[in-house]
Protein backbone atom coordinates (compact mmCIF):
# COMPACT_ATOMS: atom_id res chain seq x y z
CA MET A 1 42.89 132.55 151.96
CA LEU A 2 43.61 129.05 151.14
CA VAL A 3 43.51 129.28 147.68
CA VAL A 4 46.17 132.08 147.87
CA SER A 5 48.51 130.69 150.38
CA ALA A 6 48.58 127.43 148.34
CA ILE A 7 49.32 129.85 144.79
CA ILE A 8 52.05 131.68 146.86
CA LEU A 9 53.77 127.98 148.20
CA TYR A 10 53.16 126.84 144.72
CA SER A 11 55.24 129.76 143.58
CA LEU A 12 58.40 129.62 146.47
CA VAL A 13 58.96 126.22 145.61
CA ALA A 14 58.67 126.62 141.67
CA LEU A 15 61.10 129.69 142.27
CA PHE A 16 63.72 127.02 144.65
CA LEU A 17 63.45 124.97 141.64
CA VAL A 18 64.41 127.37 139.11
CA PHE A 19 67.23 128.77 141.38
CA SER A 20 68.40 124.82 141.45
CA LEU A 21 68.52 124.03 138.20
CA LEU A 22 70.45 127.39 137.24
CA ILE A 23 73.04 126.72 140.22
CA ASN A 24 73.47 122.85 138.84
CA GLY A 25 74.88 124.44 135.53
CA VAL A 26 72.70 121.40 133.24
CA ARG A 27 72.65 122.08 129.48
CA PRO A 28 70.55 125.43 128.56
CA ALA A 29 68.04 123.30 126.74
CA LYS A 30 67.45 121.10 129.13
CA THR A 31 67.24 123.89 131.64
CA LEU A 32 65.02 125.76 128.88
CA GLY A 33 62.60 122.21 128.60
CA TRP A 34 62.51 121.78 132.79
CA LEU A 35 61.55 126.06 132.94
CA LEU A 36 58.79 125.52 130.48
CA ALA A 37 57.39 122.38 132.38
CA ILE A 38 57.27 123.90 135.98
CA PHE A 39 55.33 127.00 134.79
CA THR A 40 52.88 125.89 132.15
CA ILE A 41 52.26 122.78 133.71
CA PRO A 42 50.65 123.28 137.30
CA VAL A 43 51.63 121.04 139.78
CA GLY A 44 52.62 118.35 137.53
CA GLY A 45 55.64 119.85 136.45
CA LEU A 46 56.84 120.22 139.66
CA LEU A 47 56.64 116.98 140.00
CA PHE A 48 57.95 115.80 137.33
CA TYR A 49 60.98 117.75 137.58
CA TRP A 50 61.38 116.52 141.50
CA MET A 51 60.91 112.75 140.35
CA LEU A 52 63.49 112.84 137.03
CA GLY A 53 65.27 116.31 136.80
CA ARG A 54 67.41 116.99 139.91
CA ASN A 55 70.86 116.16 140.38
CA HIS A 56 70.44 112.94 142.81
CA ARG A 57 74.46 112.92 142.76
CA LYS A 58 74.11 115.25 146.11
CA SER A 59 71.83 113.28 147.83
CA VAL A 60 70.98 109.27 148.87
CA LEU A 61 73.60 108.16 146.55
CA ALA A 62 76.40 110.25 147.45
CA LYS A 63 75.73 109.67 150.97
CA LEU A 64 75.81 105.78 149.56
CA LYS A 65 79.14 106.72 147.82
CA LYS A 66 80.97 107.38 150.70
CA ARG A 67 81.17 104.34 152.20
CA SER A 68 82.31 103.00 149.24
CA LEU A 69 85.41 102.10 148.18
CA THR A 70 88.38 104.54 147.41
CA LEU A 71 90.70 102.83 144.60
CA PRO A 72 94.26 103.95 144.52
CA HIS A 73 95.72 106.00 141.51
CA SER A 74 97.03 103.12 138.97
CA TYR A 75 100.06 103.10 136.40
CA ILE A 76 99.81 102.03 132.64
CA ASP A 77 102.57 99.43 131.63
CA PRO A 78 103.95 101.20 128.43
CA THR A 79 105.00 97.97 127.06
CA LEU A 80 101.77 96.78 127.10
CA PRO A 81 100.44 95.64 123.48
CA GLY A 82 98.42 98.86 122.26
CA LYS A 83 99.75 101.14 124.30
CA SER A 84 101.34 103.06 121.48
CA ASP A 85 98.91 102.72 118.96
CA LYS A 86 95.41 104.56 118.53
CA TYR A 87 93.99 103.22 121.78
CA ARG A 88 96.29 104.44 124.22
CA LYS A 89 94.07 107.33 124.63
CA LEU A 90 91.29 105.66 125.66
CA MET A 91 93.63 103.56 128.06
CA GLN A 92 94.48 106.59 129.60
CA LEU A 93 91.10 107.93 130.07
CA ILE A 94 89.73 104.56 131.81
CA ASN A 95 92.29 104.49 134.27
CA ASN A 96 91.85 107.95 134.81
CA THR A 97 88.28 107.53 135.80
CA CYS A 98 88.01 104.13 136.89
CA ALA A 99 91.66 103.71 138.32
CA PHE A 100 91.66 100.37 136.11
CA PRO A 101 94.77 100.12 133.94
CA PRO A 102 94.64 97.34 131.02
CA SER A 103 96.02 94.28 132.00
CA ARG A 104 97.55 91.46 129.94
CA GLY A 105 97.43 87.76 130.93
CA ASN A 106 93.84 87.00 130.02
CA GLU A 107 91.79 84.92 128.88
CA VAL A 108 88.09 85.66 127.33
CA GLN A 109 85.68 83.80 125.89
CA TYR A 110 82.45 85.30 124.78
CA LEU A 111 79.29 82.84 125.64
CA LYS A 112 76.18 83.38 122.85
CA ASN A 113 72.89 82.64 124.47
CA GLY A 114 71.57 81.04 127.90
CA GLU A 115 72.52 77.63 127.78
CA LEU A 116 76.47 78.51 126.78
CA THR A 117 76.87 81.07 129.44
CA PHE A 118 74.98 79.46 132.33
CA ASN A 119 76.82 76.08 131.72
CA ALA A 120 80.20 77.72 131.99
CA ILE A 121 79.09 79.78 134.88
CA PHE A 122 77.77 76.81 136.73
CA LYS A 123 81.01 74.85 135.88
CA ALA A 124 83.06 77.84 137.63
CA MET A 125 81.49 78.45 140.52
CA GLN A 126 81.39 74.23 140.93
CA ALA A 127 85.20 74.56 141.09
CA ALA A 128 85.16 77.74 143.52
CA GLU A 129 87.64 77.66 146.63
CA LYS A 130 86.94 80.87 148.53
CA TYR A 131 84.14 82.89 147.29
CA ILE A 132 81.48 83.40 144.89
CA HIS A 133 80.69 87.06 144.71
CA LEU A 134 77.11 87.33 142.17
CA GLN A 135 75.28 90.40 141.50
CA TYR A 136 72.68 91.06 139.11
CA TYR A 137 69.92 93.39 138.04
CA ILE A 138 67.27 90.80 137.32
CA PHE A 139 67.18 87.62 139.60
CA GLU A 140 64.31 85.92 138.33
CA GLU A 141 63.19 82.70 140.74
CA GLY A 142 63.03 79.53 138.41
CA ILE A 143 64.81 76.60 137.21
CA LEU A 144 68.16 78.65 137.05
CA THR A 145 67.23 79.85 141.02
CA GLU A 146 66.83 76.60 141.88
CA ARG A 147 69.95 74.94 140.79
CA LEU A 148 71.78 77.90 142.00
CA LEU A 149 70.39 77.17 145.60
CA GLN A 150 71.42 73.84 145.70
CA LEU A 151 75.05 74.89 144.31
CA PHE A 152 74.93 77.48 147.19
CA GLU A 153 74.24 74.90 149.81
CA LYS A 154 76.98 72.59 148.72
CA LYS A 155 79.65 75.29 148.24
CA VAL A 156 78.63 76.94 151.62
CA ALA A 157 79.04 73.74 153.16
CA GLU A 158 82.59 72.98 151.77
CA GLY A 159 83.49 76.81 153.37
CA VAL A 160 82.55 79.01 150.15
CA GLN A 161 81.52 82.24 150.89
CA VAL A 162 78.81 83.19 148.47
CA ARG A 163 77.19 86.62 148.39
CA LEU A 164 74.92 88.00 146.15
CA ILE A 165 73.32 91.79 145.52
CA TYR A 166 70.39 92.14 143.87
CA ASP A 167 68.51 95.21 142.31
CA GLY A 168 65.19 96.22 144.44
CA VAL A 169 63.57 96.91 141.54
CA GLY A 170 64.75 94.79 138.72
CA SER A 171 64.38 91.88 140.79
CA TYR A 172 60.76 92.92 142.28
CA SER A 173 59.12 89.30 142.09
CA LEU A 174 62.20 87.70 144.38
CA SER A 175 59.69 86.41 146.96
CA SER A 176 61.14 86.55 150.53
CA SER A 177 60.60 82.77 151.20
CA TYR A 178 63.35 82.46 148.64
CA ARG A 179 66.10 84.61 150.42
CA LYS A 180 64.61 82.84 153.49
CA LYS A 181 66.37 79.80 151.92
CA LEU A 182 69.59 81.65 150.87
CA ARG A 183 70.21 82.97 154.05
CA ALA A 184 69.24 79.95 156.02
CA ILE A 185 72.12 77.94 153.82
CA GLY A 186 74.50 80.61 154.64
CA VAL A 187 74.56 83.14 151.88
CA GLU A 188 74.83 86.62 152.34
CA VAL A 189 72.07 88.54 150.59
CA TYR A 190 71.51 92.39 150.18
CA PRO A 191 69.36 94.18 147.59
CA PHE A 192 70.69 97.42 146.08
CA LEU A 193 68.09 100.42 146.67
CA PRO A 194 65.33 98.52 147.30
CA PHE A 195 61.91 100.64 146.89
CA LYS A 196 61.23 102.42 149.85
CA PHE A 197 58.93 105.64 149.95
CA SER A 198 61.27 107.28 151.86
CA ARG A 199 63.64 107.31 149.12
CA PHE A 200 61.39 106.52 146.57
CA LEU A 201 63.11 108.83 143.64
CA ALA A 202 66.09 107.22 144.43
CA SER A 203 65.18 103.73 145.21
CA ILE A 204 62.77 103.90 141.06
CA ASN A 205 65.05 106.07 139.04
CA TYR A 206 68.55 105.01 140.13
CA ARG A 207 69.52 101.22 139.31
CA ASN A 208 72.45 98.92 139.66
CA HIS A 209 71.80 97.46 136.54
CA ARG A 210 75.14 95.35 136.57
CA LYS A 211 75.67 91.15 136.16
CA ILE A 212 78.94 90.40 137.54
CA ILE A 213 80.21 86.51 138.53
CA VAL A 214 83.43 86.72 140.47
CA VAL A 215 84.84 83.34 141.48
CA ASP A 216 88.09 83.29 143.92
CA GLY A 217 88.93 86.65 141.99
CA ILE A 218 90.21 84.31 139.03
CA ILE A 219 87.37 83.69 136.96
CA ALA A 220 85.05 86.41 136.20
CA PHE A 221 81.72 86.75 134.09
CA THR A 222 79.53 89.83 132.81
CA GLY A 223 77.46 91.04 130.06
CA GLY A 224 73.70 91.12 129.19
CA ILE A 225 72.49 87.87 130.54
CA ASN A 226 70.57 88.09 133.73
CA ILE A 227 69.31 85.30 135.91
CA SER A 228 66.07 84.47 134.41
CA ASP A 229 64.85 81.18 132.32
CA LYS A 230 63.70 83.26 129.53
CA TYR A 231 66.99 82.82 128.36
CA LEU A 232 66.50 79.04 128.28
CA LYS A 233 62.38 78.67 127.38
CA GLY A 234 61.41 82.02 126.14
CA THR A 235 58.87 84.48 127.11
CA GLU A 236 55.24 85.48 125.39
CA PRO A 237 55.14 87.29 122.96
CA LEU A 238 59.20 87.77 122.58
CA GLY A 239 59.82 84.63 122.23
CA LEU A 240 63.59 83.33 123.14
CA TRP A 241 65.85 85.83 124.89
CA HIS A 242 69.28 86.26 122.76
CA ASP A 243 72.43 87.79 124.57
CA MET A 244 75.65 87.73 124.90
CA HIS A 245 78.03 87.21 128.33
CA LEU A 246 82.00 87.88 128.68
CA GLN A 247 84.04 84.99 130.43
CA ILE A 248 87.16 86.34 131.78
CA THR A 249 90.02 84.45 133.26
CA GLY A 250 93.27 86.43 134.35
CA PRO A 251 94.09 89.54 136.49
CA SER A 252 90.93 91.54 134.94
CA ALA A 253 88.66 89.43 136.41
CA TRP A 254 90.14 91.61 139.80
CA GLN A 255 88.78 94.56 138.23
CA LEU A 256 85.40 92.87 138.07
CA ALA A 257 85.78 91.65 141.69
CA MET A 258 86.52 95.04 142.86
CA VAL A 259 83.32 96.50 140.91
CA PHE A 260 81.20 94.42 143.23
CA GLU A 261 82.88 95.05 146.30
CA MET A 262 82.33 98.71 145.69
CA ASP A 263 78.94 98.16 145.58
CA TRP A 264 79.04 95.75 148.37
CA ILE A 265 80.25 98.32 150.73
CA MET A 266 77.65 100.79 149.49
CA VAL A 267 74.79 98.10 150.45
CA THR A 268 76.29 96.75 153.66
CA GLY A 269 78.57 99.38 154.71
CA LYS A 270 81.63 96.67 154.80
CA LYS A 271 84.14 95.33 152.91
CA PRO A 272 83.72 91.49 152.07
CA GLY A 273 87.23 90.57 152.98
CA ILE A 274 88.41 88.86 150.16
CA GLU A 275 92.44 89.60 148.55
CA ALA A 276 94.06 89.86 145.56
CA PRO A 277 95.24 86.32 144.05
CA LYS A 278 98.89 86.66 143.21
CA TRP A 279 98.63 86.61 139.21
CA GLN A 280 102.05 85.47 137.45
CA THR A 281 101.39 86.90 133.83
CA ARG A 282 100.67 84.22 131.70
CA GLU A 283 101.70 85.10 128.55
CA ASN A 284 100.84 82.85 125.50
CA LYS A 285 98.68 83.10 122.05
CA ASN A 286 95.29 82.93 123.99
CA SER A 287 96.58 85.57 126.30
CA VAL A 288 94.73 88.91 125.52
CA VAL A 289 94.99 92.73 127.06
CA VAL A 290 91.31 93.42 128.65
CA GLN A 291 90.18 96.62 130.82
CA ALA A 292 86.83 97.03 132.67
CA VAL A 293 85.12 100.27 132.87
CA TYR A 294 82.43 101.09 135.28
CA SER A 295 79.97 103.89 135.52
CA GLY A 296 76.91 105.38 138.25
CA PRO A 297 74.79 108.15 138.83
CA ASP A 298 77.16 109.37 141.07
CA ASP A 299 80.26 109.23 139.56
CA ILE A 300 81.52 112.73 138.55
CA TYR A 301 82.21 112.04 134.74
CA PRO A 302 79.54 109.59 132.52
CA ASN A 303 82.53 106.82 132.19
CA ILE A 304 81.10 104.58 129.87
CA GLU A 305 79.49 107.28 127.37
CA GLN A 306 82.88 108.73 126.99
CA VAL A 307 84.46 105.34 126.50
CA PHE A 308 81.62 104.83 123.31
CA LEU A 309 82.42 108.14 122.24
CA SER A 310 86.37 107.37 122.03
CA LEU A 311 85.11 104.11 120.29
CA ILE A 312 83.20 105.53 117.69
CA ASN A 313 85.60 108.50 116.87
CA SER A 314 88.49 106.20 116.68
CA ALA A 315 86.79 103.90 114.38
CA ARG A 316 88.76 104.12 110.85
CA LYS A 317 87.52 101.13 108.73
CA TYR A 318 84.21 100.03 110.78
CA ILE A 319 81.85 100.14 113.81
CA TYR A 320 79.38 97.38 114.57
CA ILE A 321 76.90 98.04 117.18
CA THR A 322 74.61 95.26 118.76
CA ASN A 323 71.90 96.70 121.06
CA PRO A 324 67.95 96.14 122.31
CA TYR A 325 68.01 100.18 123.13
CA ILE A 326 69.59 102.52 121.51
CA ILE A 327 67.89 105.83 122.14
CA PRO A 328 71.39 107.98 121.31
CA THR A 329 72.20 110.80 123.31
CA PRO A 330 72.79 113.36 121.13
CA GLU A 331 76.38 113.17 121.63
CA ILE A 332 76.33 109.54 120.59
CA LEU A 333 74.14 110.65 117.98
CA LYS A 334 76.24 113.03 116.23
CA ALA A 335 79.46 110.36 116.52
CA LEU A 336 77.73 107.90 114.79
CA LYS A 337 76.39 110.61 112.31
CA VAL A 338 79.88 112.27 111.85
CA ALA A 339 81.50 108.59 111.39
CA SER A 340 79.57 107.46 108.55
CA LEU A 341 79.35 110.32 106.90
CA SER A 342 83.38 110.36 107.07
CA GLY A 343 83.64 106.70 105.22
CA VAL A 344 83.58 104.38 108.56
CA ASP A 345 81.20 101.85 107.77
CA VAL A 346 78.69 101.71 110.80
CA ARG A 347 75.99 99.55 111.41
CA LEU A 348 73.32 98.61 114.08
CA LEU A 349 71.79 95.72 115.28
CA MET A 350 68.74 95.66 117.17
CA SER A 351 65.76 93.48 117.85
CA GLU A 352 63.00 93.61 115.46
CA LYS A 353 60.79 93.02 118.92
CA SER A 354 60.58 94.83 122.00
CA ASP A 355 59.92 94.53 125.86
CA SER A 356 58.34 98.12 125.63
CA LYS A 357 56.09 100.16 123.23
CA VAL A 358 57.41 103.47 124.58
CA VAL A 359 61.05 102.14 123.91
CA TYR A 360 60.15 100.80 120.44
CA TRP A 361 58.82 103.73 119.40
CA SER A 362 61.34 106.37 121.09
CA VAL A 363 64.16 103.83 119.37
CA HIS A 364 62.17 104.16 116.18
CA SER A 365 62.41 108.01 116.30
CA TYR A 366 65.85 108.05 115.60
CA LEU A 367 66.16 105.58 112.90
CA GLU A 368 65.17 107.99 110.12
CA SER A 369 67.98 110.44 110.65
CA MET A 370 70.79 107.86 111.05
CA LEU A 371 69.84 106.46 107.81
CA ARG A 372 70.25 109.57 106.26
CA ALA A 373 73.55 109.46 107.52
CA GLY A 374 74.30 106.52 105.61
CA ILE A 375 74.07 104.16 109.15
CA ARG A 376 73.26 100.76 108.06
CA ILE A 377 70.27 99.26 110.73
CA PHE A 378 69.59 95.85 110.61
CA MET A 379 66.02 94.13 112.76
CA PHE A 380 66.96 91.06 114.29
CA PRO A 381 63.63 88.92 114.10
CA GLN A 382 63.99 85.91 116.08
CA GLY A 383 63.54 86.37 119.61
CA PHE A 384 64.33 89.43 121.37
CA LEU A 385 68.45 90.55 120.67
CA HIS A 386 69.36 91.66 124.06
CA SER A 387 73.16 91.60 123.63
CA LYS A 388 75.06 94.79 124.46
CA ILE A 389 78.55 94.45 122.30
CA ILE A 390 80.73 96.87 120.23
CA VAL A 391 83.74 95.60 117.68
CA SER A 392 85.39 97.79 115.48
CA ASP A 393 88.63 97.57 113.27
CA ASP A 394 89.09 94.53 114.05
CA ASP A 395 91.26 94.78 116.65
CA ILE A 396 88.78 96.11 119.75
CA ALA A 397 85.47 95.28 121.28
CA THR A 398 83.48 95.81 124.18
CA ILE A 399 80.86 93.30 125.93
CA GLY A 400 79.29 94.34 128.61
CA THR A 401 75.55 95.68 130.38
CA THR A 402 75.19 99.09 129.31
CA ASN A 403 72.71 100.33 126.64
CA ILE A 404 73.41 102.80 124.27
CA ASP A 405 70.54 105.75 126.20
CA ALA A 406 70.65 107.90 128.77
CA ARG A 407 69.25 105.91 131.54
CA SER A 408 72.29 103.83 130.98
CA PHE A 409 74.98 106.65 130.92
CA GLU A 410 73.42 108.89 133.62
CA HIS A 411 70.65 106.79 136.00
CA ASN A 412 72.48 103.23 136.02
CA TYR A 413 74.90 101.71 137.58
CA GLU A 414 76.95 100.20 134.50
CA VAL A 415 79.93 97.73 133.89
CA ASN A 416 81.52 96.73 130.85
CA ALA A 417 84.80 95.06 129.73
CA LEU A 418 87.02 96.31 127.09
CA VAL A 419 89.17 93.49 124.84
CA TYR A 420 92.11 94.72 123.17
CA ASP A 421 92.48 91.64 120.93
CA ALA A 422 92.48 91.09 117.06
CA ALA A 423 91.30 87.63 116.89
CA PHE A 424 88.38 88.04 119.33
CA SER A 425 87.35 91.16 117.79
CA ARG A 426 87.49 89.29 114.32
CA ASP A 427 85.14 86.66 115.83
CA LEU A 428 82.64 88.94 117.40
CA ARG A 429 82.45 90.94 113.45
CA LYS A 430 81.90 87.74 111.78
CA ASP A 431 79.15 86.72 114.48
CA PHE A 432 77.45 90.18 114.01
CA GLU A 433 77.37 89.54 110.11
CA LEU A 434 76.19 86.20 110.55
CA ASP A 435 73.01 88.06 112.53
CA CYS A 436 72.54 90.80 109.81
CA GLU A 437 72.46 88.40 107.23
CA GLY A 438 69.41 86.58 109.05
CA SER A 439 67.88 90.42 110.09
CA ARG A 440 66.22 92.67 108.07
CA GLU A 441 67.77 95.62 106.68
CA LEU A 442 66.14 99.24 106.88
CA PHE A 443 66.37 101.59 104.11
CA TYR A 444 66.17 105.21 103.96
CA GLN A 445 63.74 105.41 100.74
CA GLU A 446 61.51 103.09 102.42
CA PHE A 447 61.53 103.66 105.85
CA VAL A 448 60.22 107.44 105.03
CA GLN A 449 56.85 106.20 104.00
CA ARG A 450 56.23 104.79 107.00
CA PRO A 451 52.72 105.87 108.01
CA VAL A 452 51.86 109.71 109.48
CA LYS A 453 50.69 107.72 112.36
CA GLU A 454 54.14 105.63 112.96
CA ARG A 455 55.85 109.36 113.03
CA LEU A 456 53.01 110.27 115.63
CA LYS A 457 53.79 107.60 117.83
CA GLU A 458 57.64 107.74 117.33
CA GLY A 459 57.38 111.79 118.32
CA ILE A 460 55.30 111.34 121.93
CA ALA A 461 57.37 108.68 122.74
CA ARG A 462 60.78 110.97 122.00
CA ILE A 463 60.14 113.10 124.59
CA PHE A 464 60.05 110.72 127.27
CA ALA A 465 64.05 109.20 125.48
CA PRO A 466 66.22 110.86 128.40
CA VAL A 467 64.22 108.88 131.14
CA LEU A 468 63.60 105.68 129.76
């Protein structure tokens, strides 16, 4: 009797999940895959779908989103440089999905690797007069966090408000004693979706991967670099972590301030009470047009994936991508291949080493088809390359937190900044080419001869690509 009851209960739950799959209208291939898992893997198929397959946009995150900031409709200045060129549709795309128009009068500087980045960050924070807002996926105790503690104590004593959001899973090692020290000196600190059994699925699968610092709404930083000593002294066995960050001084710094404010409202339920600085547009030879773009699992559209697709499809001469986790969605993979087969110089630069074996083999499972399409691939051998950069045609570039994978596009909260500027793009392109010179290029005829053992590992790892 007990067995029969269990079978009936299992069948009812399975039918409910099938109904949910059909109602939510996911891709046919994805729907078929989940149906096969549910009906061919007893219990395990149900649990796997419950953890990773459901549309959480209608659950915990949707409830949090209601507390978030609603940005008003914005207007794109028709006199902006680039408004009438090939990127006008991209500008409008971001404006329609994020309510962030491109803004002129910004000064930008790309910061390569940890020492340069942290020197610039500390310099900016030391000059803060009103507030310092920080948001990090990984906030890891060490030399950097002790320096931050000292700086925060000094700035709070001067009347500067310091607020910190750290990801509840990415910063799992952040001790309660350090958090108590922060609060004791007056820092407002909150976790983003800390791990709780009552909301196990959302707290594990949906992470805030953004890295943002905003000082007084005037200077902002974003990119791939977390608060961790591994950018200064490395780790074993990966060695030194190499990465890229972006410093923005100007009106677009306020866009990153708004991204922080949205997340602050989500984790605290209250606004931080900051006002936009009164900017007078400073047009000079160094000023550039910048536009921020953000995305998260509770957004209607995959905003950043759409931006990346637009960049790839708009490329006429070249598109160069640096990223440690290139596990492309079908749309991105097709766009890259079409661009390459159409005569665009498509190059990928990624790390020879990886911090995850499953991710490593999943990444490699896509390389053969990309090489066959003429895409050039370079493997960076020194340490772990963690940068997330796209540069194209010497006229546009983006630096941010987003990886080229389904996790970043669909499950994580991410942010990128686009810079519409020829000189900035040329500098990034030259830096990319220099890194490629010191890297190992893969060639199709050699790569296809890799052992069957490696192909098998790639095939197994690729199954998990949508959730990595």
